PDB file of all heavy atoms in Angstrom:
ATOM      1  N   ILE A   1      29.040 -32.348 -44.437  1.00  0.00           N
ATOM      2  CA  ILE A   1      28.626 -32.261 -43.033  1.00  0.00           C
ATOM      3  C   ILE A   1      28.965 -33.552 -42.354  1.00  0.00           C
ATOM      4  O   ILE A   1      28.830 -34.675 -42.945  1.00  0.00           O
ATOM      5  CB  ILE A   1      27.081 -31.964 -42.949  1.00  0.00           C
ATOM      6  CG1 ILE A   1      26.687 -31.894 -41.446  1.00  0.00           C
ATOM      7  CG2 ILE A   1      26.251 -33.070 -43.665  1.00  0.00           C
ATOM      8  CD1 ILE A   1      25.280 -31.282 -41.298  1.00  0.00           C
ATOM      9  N   ALA A   2      29.458 -33.463 -41.112  1.00  0.00           N
ATOM     10  CA  ALA A   2      29.814 -34.640 -40.342  1.00  0.00           C
ATOM     11  C   ALA A   2      29.331 -34.378 -38.929  1.00  0.00           C
ATOM     12  O   ALA A   2      29.495 -33.216 -38.381  1.00  0.00           O
ATOM     13  CB  ALA A   2      31.297 -34.915 -40.392  1.00  0.00           C
ATOM     14  N   ILE A   3      28.878 -35.430 -38.261  1.00  0.00           N
ATOM     15  CA  ILE A   3      28.417 -35.346 -36.852  1.00  0.00           C
ATOM     16  C   ILE A   3      29.079 -36.436 -36.058  1.00  0.00           C
ATOM     17  O   ILE A   3      28.965 -37.612 -36.504  1.00  0.00           O
ATOM     18  CB  ILE A   3      26.870 -35.396 -36.828  1.00  0.00           C
ATOM     19  CG1 ILE A   3      26.235 -34.243 -37.580  1.00  0.00           C
ATOM     20  CG2 ILE A   3      26.407 -35.360 -35.311  1.00  0.00           C
ATOM     21  CD1 ILE A   3      24.639 -34.374 -37.661  1.00  0.00           C
ATOM     22  N   VAL A   4      29.600 -36.082 -34.902  1.00  0.00           N
ATOM     23  CA  VAL A   4      30.300 -36.984 -33.968  1.00  0.00           C
ATOM     24  C   VAL A   4      29.533 -37.082 -32.744  1.00  0.00           C
ATOM     25  O   VAL A   4      29.059 -36.049 -32.176  1.00  0.00           O
ATOM     26  CB  VAL A   4      31.747 -36.463 -33.768  1.00  0.00           C
ATOM     27  CG1 VAL A   4      32.474 -37.513 -32.829  1.00  0.00           C
ATOM     28  CG2 VAL A   4      32.553 -36.258 -35.030  1.00  0.00           C
ATOM     29  N   HIS A   5      29.399 -38.327 -32.244  1.00  0.00           N
ATOM     30  CA  HIS A   5      28.668 -38.492 -30.940  1.00  0.00           C
ATOM     31  C   HIS A   5      29.365 -39.457 -30.105  1.00  0.00           C
ATOM     32  O   HIS A   5      29.916 -40.437 -30.570  1.00  0.00           O
ATOM     33  CB  HIS A   5      27.313 -39.157 -31.373  1.00  0.00           C
ATOM     34  CG  HIS A   5      26.356 -39.296 -30.187  1.00  0.00           C
ATOM     35  ND1 HIS A   5      26.390 -40.457 -29.371  1.00  0.00           N
ATOM     36  CD2 HIS A   5      25.404 -38.553 -29.649  1.00  0.00           C
ATOM     37  CE1 HIS A   5      25.490 -40.326 -28.417  1.00  0.00           C
ATOM     38  NE2 HIS A   5      24.857 -39.229 -28.633  1.00  0.00           N
ATOM     39  N   ARG A   6      29.437 -39.153 -28.772  1.00  0.00           N
ATOM     40  CA  ARG A   6      30.032 -40.127 -27.782  1.00  0.00           C
ATOM     41  C   ARG A   6      29.087 -40.280 -26.606  1.00  0.00           C
ATOM     42  O   ARG A   6      28.466 -39.279 -26.053  1.00  0.00           O
ATOM     43  CB  ARG A   6      31.389 -39.500 -27.301  1.00  0.00           C
ATOM     44  CG  ARG A   6      32.401 -39.389 -28.381  1.00  0.00           C
ATOM     45  CD  ARG A   6      33.796 -39.005 -27.841  1.00  0.00           C
ATOM     46  NE  ARG A   6      34.335 -40.118 -27.083  1.00  0.00           N
ATOM     47  CZ  ARG A   6      35.621 -40.077 -26.676  1.00  0.00           C
ATOM     48  NH1 ARG A   6      36.427 -39.029 -26.923  1.00  0.00           N
ATOM     49  NH2 ARG A   6      36.091 -41.162 -25.915  1.00  0.00           N
ATOM     50  N   GLN A   7      28.862 -41.482 -26.223  1.00  0.00           N
ATOM     51  CA  GLN A   7      27.769 -41.896 -25.313  1.00  0.00           C
ATOM     52  C   GLN A   7      28.264 -42.246 -23.969  1.00  0.00           C
ATOM     53  O   GLN A   7      29.193 -43.038 -23.772  1.00  0.00           O
ATOM     54  CB  GLN A   7      26.995 -43.133 -25.927  1.00  0.00           C
ATOM     55  CG  GLN A   7      25.893 -43.624 -25.031  1.00  0.00           C
ATOM     56  CD  GLN A   7      24.704 -42.624 -25.046  1.00  0.00           C
ATOM     57  OE1 GLN A   7      24.369 -41.985 -26.108  1.00  0.00           O
ATOM     58  NE2 GLN A   7      24.076 -42.467 -23.929  1.00  0.00           N
ATOM     59  N   HIS A   8      27.637 -41.644 -22.925  1.00  0.00           N
ATOM     60  CA  HIS A   8      27.738 -42.100 -21.544  1.00  0.00           C
ATOM     61  C   HIS A   8      26.751 -43.273 -21.352  1.00  0.00           C
ATOM     62  O   HIS A   8      25.668 -43.250 -21.946  1.00  0.00           O
ATOM     63  CB  HIS A   8      27.502 -41.018 -20.508  1.00  0.00           C
ATOM     64  CG  HIS A   8      28.603 -40.171 -20.276  1.00  0.00           C
ATOM     65  ND1 HIS A   8      29.750 -40.540 -19.591  1.00  0.00           N
ATOM     66  CD2 HIS A   8      28.864 -38.878 -20.625  1.00  0.00           C
ATOM     67  CE1 HIS A   8      30.623 -39.591 -19.473  1.00  0.00           C
ATOM     68  NE2 HIS A   8      30.111 -38.489 -20.140  1.00  0.00           N
ATOM     69  N   VAL A   9      26.973 -44.121 -20.359  1.00  0.00           N
ATOM     70  CA  VAL A   9      25.996 -45.144 -20.013  1.00  0.00           C
ATOM     71  C   VAL A   9      25.610 -44.972 -18.567  1.00  0.00           C
ATOM     72  O   VAL A   9      26.392 -45.245 -17.656  1.00  0.00           O
ATOM     73  CB  VAL A   9      26.576 -46.525 -20.271  1.00  0.00           C
ATOM     74  CG1 VAL A   9      25.509 -47.620 -19.807  1.00  0.00           C
ATOM     75  CG2 VAL A   9      26.928 -46.773 -21.747  1.00  0.00           C
ATOM     76  N   PHE A  10      24.395 -44.352 -18.342  1.00  0.00           N
ATOM     77  CA  PHE A  10      23.857 -44.136 -17.071  1.00  0.00           C
ATOM     78  C   PHE A  10      22.618 -45.021 -16.779  1.00  0.00           C
ATOM     79  O   PHE A  10      22.239 -45.187 -15.546  1.00  0.00           O
ATOM     80  CB  PHE A  10      23.452 -42.694 -16.841  1.00  0.00           C
ATOM     81  CG  PHE A  10      24.697 -41.768 -16.990  1.00  0.00           C
ATOM     82  CD1 PHE A  10      24.755 -40.704 -17.909  1.00  0.00           C
ATOM     83  CD2 PHE A  10      25.705 -41.897 -16.046  1.00  0.00           C
ATOM     84  CE1 PHE A  10      25.820 -39.884 -17.959  1.00  0.00           C
ATOM     85  CE2 PHE A  10      26.799 -40.989 -16.091  1.00  0.00           C
ATOM     86  CZ  PHE A  10      26.867 -40.005 -17.077  1.00  0.00           C
ATOM     87  N   THR A  11      21.939 -45.447 -17.792  1.00  0.00           N
ATOM     88  CA  THR A  11      20.681 -46.195 -17.686  1.00  0.00           C
ATOM     89  C   THR A  11      20.802 -47.480 -18.474  1.00  0.00           C
ATOM     90  O   THR A  11      21.628 -47.569 -19.371  1.00  0.00           O
ATOM     91  CB  THR A  11      19.495 -45.385 -18.228  1.00  0.00           C
ATOM     92  OG1 THR A  11      19.543 -45.368 -19.631  1.00  0.00           O
ATOM     93  CG2 THR A  11      19.478 -43.969 -17.661  1.00  0.00           C
ATOM     94  N   PRO A  12      19.921 -48.458 -18.180  1.00  0.00           N
ATOM     95  CA  PRO A  12      20.013 -49.717 -18.911  1.00  0.00           C
ATOM     96  C   PRO A  12      19.748 -49.435 -20.417  1.00  0.00           C
ATOM     97  O   PRO A  12      20.447 -50.069 -21.286  1.00  0.00           O
ATOM     98  CB  PRO A  12      18.848 -50.531 -18.376  1.00  0.00           C
ATOM     99  CG  PRO A  12      18.696 -50.074 -16.943  1.00  0.00           C
ATOM    100  CD  PRO A  12      19.022 -48.561 -16.990  1.00  0.00           C
ATOM    101  N   GLU A  13      18.901 -48.484 -20.733  1.00  0.00           N
ATOM    102  CA  GLU A  13      18.651 -48.250 -22.121  1.00  0.00           C
ATOM    103  C   GLU A  13      19.788 -47.551 -22.854  1.00  0.00           C
ATOM    104  O   GLU A  13      19.920 -47.780 -24.052  1.00  0.00           O
ATOM    105  CB  GLU A  13      17.349 -47.266 -22.202  1.00  0.00           C
ATOM    106  CG  GLU A  13      16.149 -47.778 -21.670  1.00  0.00           C
ATOM    107  CD  GLU A  13      15.935 -47.719 -20.198  1.00  0.00           C
ATOM    108  OE1 GLU A  13      16.804 -47.074 -19.506  1.00  0.00           O
ATOM    109  OE2 GLU A  13      15.065 -48.369 -19.669  1.00  0.00           O
ATOM    110  N   ASP A  14      20.649 -46.854 -22.076  1.00  0.00           N
ATOM    111  CA  ASP A  14      21.923 -46.277 -22.741  1.00  0.00           C
ATOM    112  C   ASP A  14      22.798 -47.292 -23.387  1.00  0.00           C
ATOM    113  O   ASP A  14      23.567 -47.006 -24.308  1.00  0.00           O
ATOM    114  CB  ASP A  14      22.699 -45.504 -21.663  1.00  0.00           C
ATOM    115  CG  ASP A  14      22.023 -44.141 -21.304  1.00  0.00           C
ATOM    116  OD1 ASP A  14      21.122 -43.689 -21.987  1.00  0.00           O
ATOM    117  OD2 ASP A  14      22.373 -43.605 -20.254  1.00  0.00           O
ATOM    118  N   GLU A  15      22.752 -48.513 -22.890  1.00  0.00           N
ATOM    119  CA  GLU A  15      23.652 -49.578 -23.389  1.00  0.00           C
ATOM    120  C   GLU A  15      23.327 -49.913 -24.848  1.00  0.00           C
ATOM    121  O   GLU A  15      24.234 -50.405 -25.508  1.00  0.00           O
ATOM    122  CB  GLU A  15      23.578 -50.835 -22.454  1.00  0.00           C
ATOM    123  CG  GLU A  15      24.040 -50.487 -21.053  1.00  0.00           C
ATOM    124  CD  GLU A  15      23.891 -51.808 -20.105  1.00  0.00           C
ATOM    125  OE1 GLU A  15      23.481 -52.842 -20.649  1.00  0.00           O
ATOM    126  OE2 GLU A  15      24.254 -51.699 -19.020  1.00  0.00           O
ATOM    127  N   ASP A  16      22.080 -49.604 -25.254  1.00  0.00           N
ATOM    128  CA  ASP A  16      21.778 -49.928 -26.634  1.00  0.00           C
ATOM    129  C   ASP A  16      21.695 -48.724 -27.456  1.00  0.00           C
ATOM    130  O   ASP A  16      21.196 -48.695 -28.625  1.00  0.00           O
ATOM    131  CB  ASP A  16      20.317 -50.602 -26.656  1.00  0.00           C
ATOM    132  CG  ASP A  16      20.331 -51.926 -25.989  1.00  0.00           C
ATOM    133  OD1 ASP A  16      21.347 -52.657 -26.051  1.00  0.00           O
ATOM    134  OD2 ASP A  16      19.311 -52.258 -25.266  1.00  0.00           O
ATOM    135  N   GLU A  17      22.128 -47.476 -26.941  1.00  0.00           N
ATOM    136  CA  GLU A  17      22.108 -46.319 -27.729  1.00  0.00           C
ATOM    137  C   GLU A  17      23.153 -46.372 -28.853  1.00  0.00           C
ATOM    138  O   GLU A  17      24.249 -46.897 -28.668  1.00  0.00           O
ATOM    139  CB  GLU A  17      22.383 -45.108 -26.757  1.00  0.00           C
ATOM    140  CG  GLU A  17      22.071 -43.764 -27.319  1.00  0.00           C
ATOM    141  CD  GLU A  17      20.505 -43.568 -27.511  1.00  0.00           C
ATOM    142  OE1 GLU A  17      19.853 -43.143 -26.624  1.00  0.00           O
ATOM    143  OE2 GLU A  17      20.057 -43.876 -28.659  1.00  0.00           O
ATOM    144  N   ALA A  18      22.808 -45.755 -29.951  1.00  0.00           N
ATOM    145  CA  ALA A  18      23.760 -45.863 -31.136  1.00  0.00           C
ATOM    146  C   ALA A  18      23.609 -44.614 -31.965  1.00  0.00           C
ATOM    147  O   ALA A  18      23.525 -44.692 -33.205  1.00  0.00           O
ATOM    148  CB  ALA A  18      23.436 -47.065 -31.996  1.00  0.00           C
ATOM    149  N   MET A  19      23.642 -43.448 -31.376  1.00  0.00           N
ATOM    150  CA  MET A  19      23.642 -42.179 -32.149  1.00  0.00           C
ATOM    151  C   MET A  19      25.045 -41.893 -32.719  1.00  0.00           C
ATOM    152  O   MET A  19      25.954 -42.354 -32.163  1.00  0.00           O
ATOM    153  CB  MET A  19      23.142 -41.067 -31.274  1.00  0.00           C
ATOM    154  CG  MET A  19      21.663 -41.048 -30.988  1.00  0.00           C
ATOM    155  SD  MET A  19      21.091 -39.579 -30.092  1.00  0.00           S
ATOM    156  CE  MET A  19      21.420 -40.068 -28.395  1.00  0.00           C
ATOM    157  N   PRO A  20      25.091 -41.211 -33.880  1.00  0.00           N
ATOM    158  CA  PRO A  20      23.954 -40.547 -34.594  1.00  0.00           C
ATOM    159  C   PRO A  20      23.094 -41.615 -35.302  1.00  0.00           C
ATOM    160  O   PRO A  20      23.561 -42.537 -35.884  1.00  0.00           O
ATOM    161  CB  PRO A  20      24.768 -39.706 -35.611  1.00  0.00           C
ATOM    162  CG  PRO A  20      26.167 -39.636 -35.180  1.00  0.00           C
ATOM    163  CD  PRO A  20      26.453 -40.833 -34.366  1.00  0.00           C
ATOM    164  N   TYR A  21      21.797 -41.363 -35.156  1.00  0.00           N
ATOM    165  CA  TYR A  21      20.780 -42.121 -35.895  1.00  0.00           C
ATOM    166  C   TYR A  21      20.635 -41.571 -37.284  1.00  0.00           C
ATOM    167  O   TYR A  21      20.435 -40.417 -37.449  1.00  0.00           O
ATOM    168  CB  TYR A  21      19.416 -42.149 -35.132  1.00  0.00           C
ATOM    169  CG  TYR A  21      19.456 -43.028 -33.889  1.00  0.00           C
ATOM    170  CD1 TYR A  21      19.159 -42.426 -32.718  1.00  0.00           C
ATOM    171  CD2 TYR A  21      19.765 -44.343 -34.001  1.00  0.00           C
ATOM    172  CE1 TYR A  21      19.105 -43.292 -31.558  1.00  0.00           C
ATOM    173  CE2 TYR A  21      19.731 -45.137 -32.845  1.00  0.00           C
ATOM    174  CZ  TYR A  21      19.371 -44.579 -31.592  1.00  0.00           C
ATOM    175  OH  TYR A  21      19.368 -45.354 -30.478  1.00  0.00           O
ATOM    176  N   ALA A  22      20.658 -42.441 -38.291  1.00  0.00           N
ATOM    177  CA  ALA A  22      20.442 -42.015 -39.661  1.00  0.00           C
ATOM    178  C   ALA A  22      19.866 -43.160 -40.462  1.00  0.00           C
ATOM    179  O   ALA A  22      20.370 -44.270 -40.494  1.00  0.00           O
ATOM    180  CB  ALA A  22      21.798 -41.614 -40.308  1.00  0.00           C
ATOM    181  N   GLY A  23      18.731 -42.845 -41.056  1.00  0.00           N
ATOM    182  CA  GLY A  23      18.137 -43.814 -41.915  1.00  0.00           C
ATOM    183  C   GLY A  23      18.746 -43.655 -43.291  1.00  0.00           C
ATOM    184  O   GLY A  23      19.632 -42.968 -43.513  1.00  0.00           O
ATOM    185  N   SER A  24      18.208 -44.478 -44.303  1.00  0.00           N
ATOM    186  CA  SER A  24      18.760 -44.517 -45.632  1.00  0.00           C
ATOM    187  C   SER A  24      18.397 -43.162 -46.276  1.00  0.00           C
ATOM    188  O   SER A  24      17.237 -42.903 -46.571  1.00  0.00           O
ATOM    189  CB  SER A  24      18.144 -45.655 -46.408  1.00  0.00           C
ATOM    190  OG  SER A  24      18.577 -45.624 -47.741  1.00  0.00           O
ATOM    191  N   GLU A  25      19.364 -42.224 -46.302  1.00  0.00           N
ATOM    192  CA  GLU A  25      19.177 -40.927 -46.980  1.00  0.00           C
ATOM    193  C   GLU A  25      18.153 -40.156 -46.179  1.00  0.00           C
ATOM    194  O   GLU A  25      17.586 -39.194 -46.679  1.00  0.00           O
ATOM    195  CB  GLU A  25      18.865 -41.025 -48.430  1.00  0.00           C
ATOM    196  CG  GLU A  25      19.908 -41.657 -49.271  1.00  0.00           C
ATOM    197  CD  GLU A  25      19.562 -41.610 -50.767  1.00  0.00           C
ATOM    198  OE1 GLU A  25      18.437 -41.137 -51.088  1.00  0.00           O
ATOM    199  OE2 GLU A  25      20.370 -42.040 -51.557  1.00  0.00           O
ATOM    200  N   GLY A  26      17.953 -40.565 -44.903  1.00  0.00           N
ATOM    201  CA  GLY A  26      16.880 -39.830 -44.084  1.00  0.00           C
ATOM    202  C   GLY A  26      17.494 -38.951 -43.082  1.00  0.00           C
ATOM    203  O   GLY A  26      18.667 -38.672 -43.101  1.00  0.00           O
ATOM    204  N   PRO A  27      16.679 -38.408 -42.151  1.00  0.00           N
ATOM    205  CA  PRO A  27      17.164 -37.467 -41.078  1.00  0.00           C
ATOM    206  C   PRO A  27      18.191 -38.099 -40.249  1.00  0.00           C
ATOM    207  O   PRO A  27      18.233 -39.325 -40.011  1.00  0.00           O
ATOM    208  CB  PRO A  27      15.949 -37.095 -40.366  1.00  0.00           C
ATOM    209  CG  PRO A  27      14.753 -37.434 -41.295  1.00  0.00           C
ATOM    210  CD  PRO A  27      15.214 -38.625 -42.040  1.00  0.00           C
ATOM    211  N   VAL A  28      19.099 -37.264 -39.660  1.00  0.00           N
ATOM    212  CA  VAL A  28      20.167 -37.682 -38.849  1.00  0.00           C
ATOM    213  C   VAL A  28      19.972 -36.978 -37.459  1.00  0.00           C
ATOM    214  O   VAL A  28      19.696 -35.827 -37.372  1.00  0.00           O
ATOM    215  CB  VAL A  28      21.559 -37.283 -39.347  1.00  0.00           C
ATOM    216  CG1 VAL A  28      22.657 -37.782 -38.484  1.00  0.00           C
ATOM    217  CG2 VAL A  28      21.691 -37.821 -40.808  1.00  0.00           C
ATOM    218  N   LEU A  29      20.081 -37.746 -36.390  1.00  0.00           N
ATOM    219  CA  LEU A  29      19.936 -37.291 -35.069  1.00  0.00           C
ATOM    220  C   LEU A  29      21.122 -37.494 -34.187  1.00  0.00           C
ATOM    221  O   LEU A  29      21.623 -38.627 -34.116  1.00  0.00           O
ATOM    222  CB  LEU A  29      18.724 -37.912 -34.347  1.00  0.00           C
ATOM    223  CG  LEU A  29      18.570 -37.470 -32.882  1.00  0.00           C
ATOM    224  CD1 LEU A  29      18.173 -35.984 -32.677  1.00  0.00           C
ATOM    225  CD2 LEU A  29      17.538 -38.418 -32.158  1.00  0.00           C
TER     226      LEU A  29
END
């Protein structure tokens, strides 16, 4: 399984966005 993510920056918080989020062998968002 592979997930690809591309981010727009519309808000100040978007500048720190880093999806896909994945912990060590944990869930992926």
